[in-house]
């Protein structure tokens, strides 16, 4: 289990958001943008359709590990981080290579059927460079904290775009950072209109969820979000903070986060113990565990502190499902909102 989380634990090293600079080649007009405001390109709309309609524009993107130049619209993309896999799939773009596909299906499982023809390129922490090279990619997408040691080698294979989702600036609002990254990728693959439609659909989901909560008399209720697993025969857990992507989604549908931290948590969560839950025992407890590692039904089943919590005694602890990824993109946001509302109103 821990290996799934190892990457997240090194995210503290991440700094700054991706800056995007667009420069047209051959004397064409030049544009600039960053992750909070991508600039549309007039000839990018037909990209990534598998035909020969490829933009001649060149994008130069500054990021924490350097500057990446992307010529035209990438057709063969390798992605080393799951959230960007989900972003591309939401835009109708199928990567040729993805890191750790099997665990993507376990933890994320958004449009995973679209990855049937994708090649697994190793783990997110240690991608297989030979496999990536064999795919002849024209773009590699990843996070800076995973490729600090391998960025130069990846860049020798193909232009490598590096995001920094846990930088000091991005950590202030990880949902906003998700939207910025999504729009940046949409601009790169020529799918800006599709991206706005996806985000509009997400907002409709929020509106419907909010209405359903209000009708059930559950609007404004307090929740706590947790992700848990076994560690050395004990229960390890995270409690998500106000700046996290997942809690922002809960707020957008009219719920309130009960867990507070006295500092900005770069990853969007606090490491916690069962004793930590006594501070939020009155809230509704929403959690993510794998079915074969439900620490709340096994390791904590007979724990006196756990059994004494109000939400346990009142059956207000709700399992969201192991494939509810709390660090995802827009489609995961819809899924999380729908599952939370369905559980709270059943």
Foldseek 3Di string as FASTA:
>chain_A
DVVVCVLLVLLVPFADWKWWWWQFPPPDHTDGGGLLDDDADPQQQVFQPPDDSWAQTWIWIQDPVGIFIAGTAWHAEAELDLQVCLLCVLLVHAHQEYEPLVVLCQAAVDPSVSPPNHHHQYHSQDGNLVVVLVSQTQEYEHECSRCVPPVVVVVVSYGYHYGRCLHPVNLQASQSSLLSVSCVSCRRNNRNVSSVVLVVVLLVLLVVLLVLCVVLVNAAAEEWEKEWFDDPNAIKMKTFECRFSQNVLVVSNRYHYQDYDPDRDSSRIDTDHLVSCQSVLVGQYEYAYAPVTPCVVPVCVPPPSSCPRNCNVVVRHHYLYNRLHRNHHSVSSSSSSVSVSVSVRD
